[in-house]
Amino acid sequence: MSAKDLEVFKFLSAVEVFLLTEDKKEVLLIHRGKDRKFLPDYYAGLGGKMDFKTNESPLDTAIREISEESPYTLNDIINIELKAIFTAIDRFGKWIVFDFVGVVKEKKFIKPLKTDEGTLEWIKIENLMEYKLIPDLRYNVINKILFTDNLLWIKSDFDSNDNMISLIVNNEKIV
C-alpha cells in the first residue's frame, strides 16, 4: 500500500462531552467564544482533540477535557457513556468525533461560568432548540444523543464557509 493509499485513513480525532444533571432536565454546554476559529458564538458540548502523543483513548480524552474545561472531574460524574460517533468533513479536514454523555452528582455552579474556551451554562433540555447550537446538533440531534439507548452513527459535511451541506443520523438523511 502506498503513502497515497494511506491518505484516505488520515482523520483528525476529537471528543465532545455533554454533562446532564441527575434529574436529566439540564445539560452543560459551552457558549464558544467569539474569537474561536471554528463556529464562534455557538453552543456545543465540552471537548477537544485527542492527544495521540500520549496514546489517549476517546474516554481518556473525554475525562481530560471535562477537567480542563469545567470544574468537574471523573469523581463528580455518576456515569459516562459513548452515545454517538460522528464523521465529518469541514475546511480543516476529515474528522471522527466521539460524543459522550455523563451525569453529574451535583451542579457546582448556577450562574454562567467564564472559561478560556467560552462560557459554561446549564441549559434546560426543554429550551435547547432556542440556542444557537453548532449545526450538527440542531434538528433535534442533540436530544437523540442525550437520550439514546443505542450508539448513533452521524455523518456531517460542511462547505468552506462552515455551512452544513448534509447531516445523516443512522442512515436517515436530516439535511
Protein backbone atom coordinates (compact mmCIF):
# COMPACT_ATOMS: atom_id res chain seq x y z
CA MET A 1 0.00 0.00 0.00
CA SER A 2 1.42 3.38 -1.00
CA ALA A 3 1.53 6.56 1.10
CA LYS A 4 -1.18 7.99 -1.16
CA ASP A 5 -3.43 4.99 -0.39
CA LEU A 6 -2.94 5.59 3.34
CA GLU A 7 -4.01 9.24 2.94
CA VAL A 8 -7.68 8.17 2.98
CA PHE A 9 -7.23 6.92 6.54
CA LYS A 10 -5.96 10.22 7.95
CA PHE A 11 -8.53 11.70 10.30
CA LEU A 12 -8.46 14.37 12.96
CA SER A 13 -9.95 12.86 16.12
CA ALA A 14 -11.84 14.65 18.86
CA VAL A 15 -14.40 14.18 21.60
CA GLU A 16 -17.46 16.10 22.69
CA VAL A 17 -18.99 15.65 26.14
CA PHE A 18 -22.42 16.56 27.41
CA LEU A 19 -22.97 16.55 31.17
CA LEU A 20 -26.52 16.18 32.46
CA THR A 21 -27.93 16.97 35.89
CA GLU A 22 -29.01 13.89 37.83
CA ASP A 23 -32.69 14.58 37.02
CA LYS A 24 -31.70 14.89 33.33
CA LYS A 25 -33.52 18.20 32.97
CA GLU A 26 -30.42 20.32 32.23
CA VAL A 27 -27.30 19.89 30.12
CA LEU A 28 -23.97 21.70 30.46
CA LEU A 29 -22.98 23.47 27.24
CA ILE A 30 -20.19 25.86 26.41
CA HIS A 31 -21.02 29.09 24.62
CA ARG A 32 -17.99 29.23 22.35
CA GLY A 33 -16.06 32.49 22.44
CA LYS A 34 -16.37 34.96 19.58
CA ASP A 35 -12.62 34.54 18.97
CA ARG A 36 -12.86 30.78 18.17
CA LYS A 37 -11.72 29.98 14.62
CA PHE A 38 -14.47 27.41 14.02
CA LEU A 39 -18.11 28.21 14.78
CA PRO A 40 -17.56 31.17 17.11
CA ASP A 41 -20.52 32.25 19.27
CA TYR A 42 -22.22 28.82 19.05
CA TYR A 43 -23.19 26.43 21.84
CA ALA A 44 -21.54 22.99 22.00
CA GLY A 45 -20.51 20.28 24.40
CA LEU A 46 -17.16 20.29 26.18
CA GLY A 47 -14.42 18.80 24.09
CA GLY A 48 -11.29 18.90 22.05
CA LYS A 49 -8.78 16.95 20.05
CA MET A 50 -7.38 13.61 21.13
CA ASP A 51 -3.69 13.57 22.08
CA PHE A 52 -2.08 10.71 20.19
CA LYS A 53 1.36 11.52 21.64
CA THR A 54 0.13 10.12 24.95
CA ASN A 55 -1.92 7.31 23.36
CA GLU A 56 -5.21 8.67 24.75
CA SER A 57 -8.37 6.71 24.17
CA PRO A 58 -11.60 8.60 23.39
CA LEU A 59 -12.74 8.07 27.01
CA ASP A 60 -9.37 9.32 28.35
CA THR A 61 -9.76 12.43 26.18
CA ALA A 62 -13.34 12.99 27.38
CA ILE A 63 -12.24 12.82 31.02
CA ARG A 64 -9.31 15.17 30.36
CA GLU A 65 -11.50 17.67 28.51
CA ILE A 66 -14.10 17.67 31.30
CA SER A 67 -11.43 18.57 33.87
CA GLU A 68 -9.75 21.13 31.57
CA GLU A 69 -12.92 22.94 30.52
CA SER A 70 -15.14 22.70 33.59
CA PRO A 71 -14.97 22.47 37.39
CA TYR A 72 -15.86 18.75 37.18
CA THR A 73 -13.65 15.68 37.41
CA LEU A 74 -14.38 11.99 36.95
CA ASN A 75 -15.18 11.78 40.69
CA ASP A 76 -18.09 14.20 40.15
CA ILE A 77 -19.70 12.03 37.49
CA ILE A 78 -22.07 9.16 38.17
CA ASN A 79 -21.85 7.64 34.71
CA ILE A 80 -20.29 8.48 31.35
CA GLU A 81 -21.12 6.66 28.14
CA LEU A 82 -20.26 6.83 24.45
CA LYS A 83 -23.50 7.80 22.68
CA ALA A 84 -22.52 8.81 19.14
CA ILE A 85 -19.71 8.64 16.63
CA PHE A 86 -19.55 11.43 14.07
CA THR A 87 -17.62 11.50 10.86
CA ALA A 88 -17.38 14.96 9.39
CA ILE A 89 -15.60 16.84 6.67
CA ASP A 90 -15.01 20.56 7.05
CA ARG A 91 -12.45 23.15 5.95
CA PHE A 92 -9.97 21.75 8.48
CA GLY A 93 -10.12 18.17 7.23
CA LYS A 94 -11.76 14.83 7.93
CA TRP A 95 -12.91 14.26 11.50
CA ILE A 96 -14.03 11.44 13.71
CA VAL A 97 -15.71 12.75 16.85
CA PHE A 98 -16.75 10.61 19.80
CA ASP A 99 -19.73 12.03 21.72
CA PHE A 100 -20.09 11.11 25.39
CA VAL A 101 -22.88 11.81 27.84
CA GLY A 102 -22.29 11.88 31.59
CA VAL A 103 -24.43 12.58 34.64
CA VAL A 104 -23.08 14.79 37.42
CA LYS A 105 -23.75 14.18 41.10
CA GLU A 106 -24.46 17.87 41.68
CA LYS A 107 -24.27 21.23 39.95
CA LYS A 108 -21.15 23.12 41.08
CA PHE A 109 -22.35 26.47 39.75
CA ILE A 110 -25.65 28.10 38.83
CA LYS A 111 -24.72 31.31 37.01
CA PRO A 112 -22.79 31.11 33.70
CA LEU A 113 -19.09 30.43 34.33
CA LYS A 114 -16.49 32.11 32.09
CA THR A 115 -13.54 29.96 30.95
CA ASP A 116 -10.72 30.29 28.40
CA GLU A 117 -12.85 28.41 25.85
CA GLY A 118 -16.08 30.38 26.36
CA THR A 119 -18.86 30.44 28.93
CA LEU A 120 -20.26 27.32 30.60
CA GLU A 121 -24.03 27.35 31.04
CA TRP A 122 -26.57 24.88 32.37
CA ILE A 123 -29.35 24.80 29.76
CA LYS A 124 -32.82 23.38 30.36
CA ILE A 125 -33.40 20.48 27.95
CA GLU A 126 -36.84 21.85 27.07
CA ASN A 127 -35.21 25.11 25.87
CA LEU A 128 -32.31 23.63 23.85
CA MET A 129 -33.71 24.48 20.43
CA GLU A 130 -33.82 28.18 21.36
CA TYR A 131 -30.00 28.30 21.50
CA LYS A 132 -27.53 28.78 18.65
CA LEU A 133 -26.29 25.17 18.66
CA ILE A 134 -23.44 24.08 16.42
CA PRO A 135 -25.06 22.92 13.15
CA ASP A 136 -24.68 19.17 13.62
CA LEU A 137 -26.51 19.35 16.98
CA ARG A 138 -29.58 21.06 15.54
CA TYR A 139 -32.59 19.26 14.09
CA ASN A 140 -33.12 17.60 17.49
CA VAL A 141 -29.87 15.65 17.07
CA ILE A 142 -28.66 16.80 20.50
CA ASN A 143 -31.72 15.22 22.14
CA LYS A 144 -31.09 11.99 20.25
CA ILE A 145 -27.52 11.96 21.57
CA LEU A 146 -28.53 12.81 25.14
CA PHE A 147 -31.27 10.20 25.42
CA THR A 148 -30.39 7.34 23.07
CA ASP A 149 -30.11 3.80 24.31
CA ASN A 150 -28.13 2.80 21.23
CA LEU A 151 -24.95 4.12 19.68
CA LEU A 152 -25.70 6.71 16.98
CA TRP A 153 -23.72 6.95 13.74
CA ILE A 154 -23.72 10.51 12.45
CA LYS A 155 -22.18 11.97 9.29
CA SER A 156 -21.99 15.69 8.57
CA ASP A 157 -20.33 17.68 5.81
CA PHE A 158 -19.58 21.41 5.68
CA ASP A 159 -18.53 23.76 2.88
CA SER A 160 -15.52 26.10 3.11
CA ASN A 161 -17.70 28.78 4.80
CA ASP A 162 -18.74 26.41 7.65
CA ASN A 163 -22.24 25.93 6.21
CA MET A 164 -23.67 22.46 6.67
CA ILE A 165 -24.14 20.60 3.39
CA SER A 166 -25.51 17.34 4.78
CA LEU A 167 -26.40 15.60 8.03
CA ILE A 168 -27.21 11.89 8.28
CA VAL A 169 -28.13 10.06 11.52
CA ASN A 170 -28.18 6.25 11.42
CA ASN A 171 -28.64 6.32 7.62
CA GLU A 172 -31.55 8.82 7.87
CA LYS A 173 -30.91 11.99 5.88
CA ILE A 174 -31.72 15.01 8.08
CA VAL A 175 -30.22 17.74 5.87
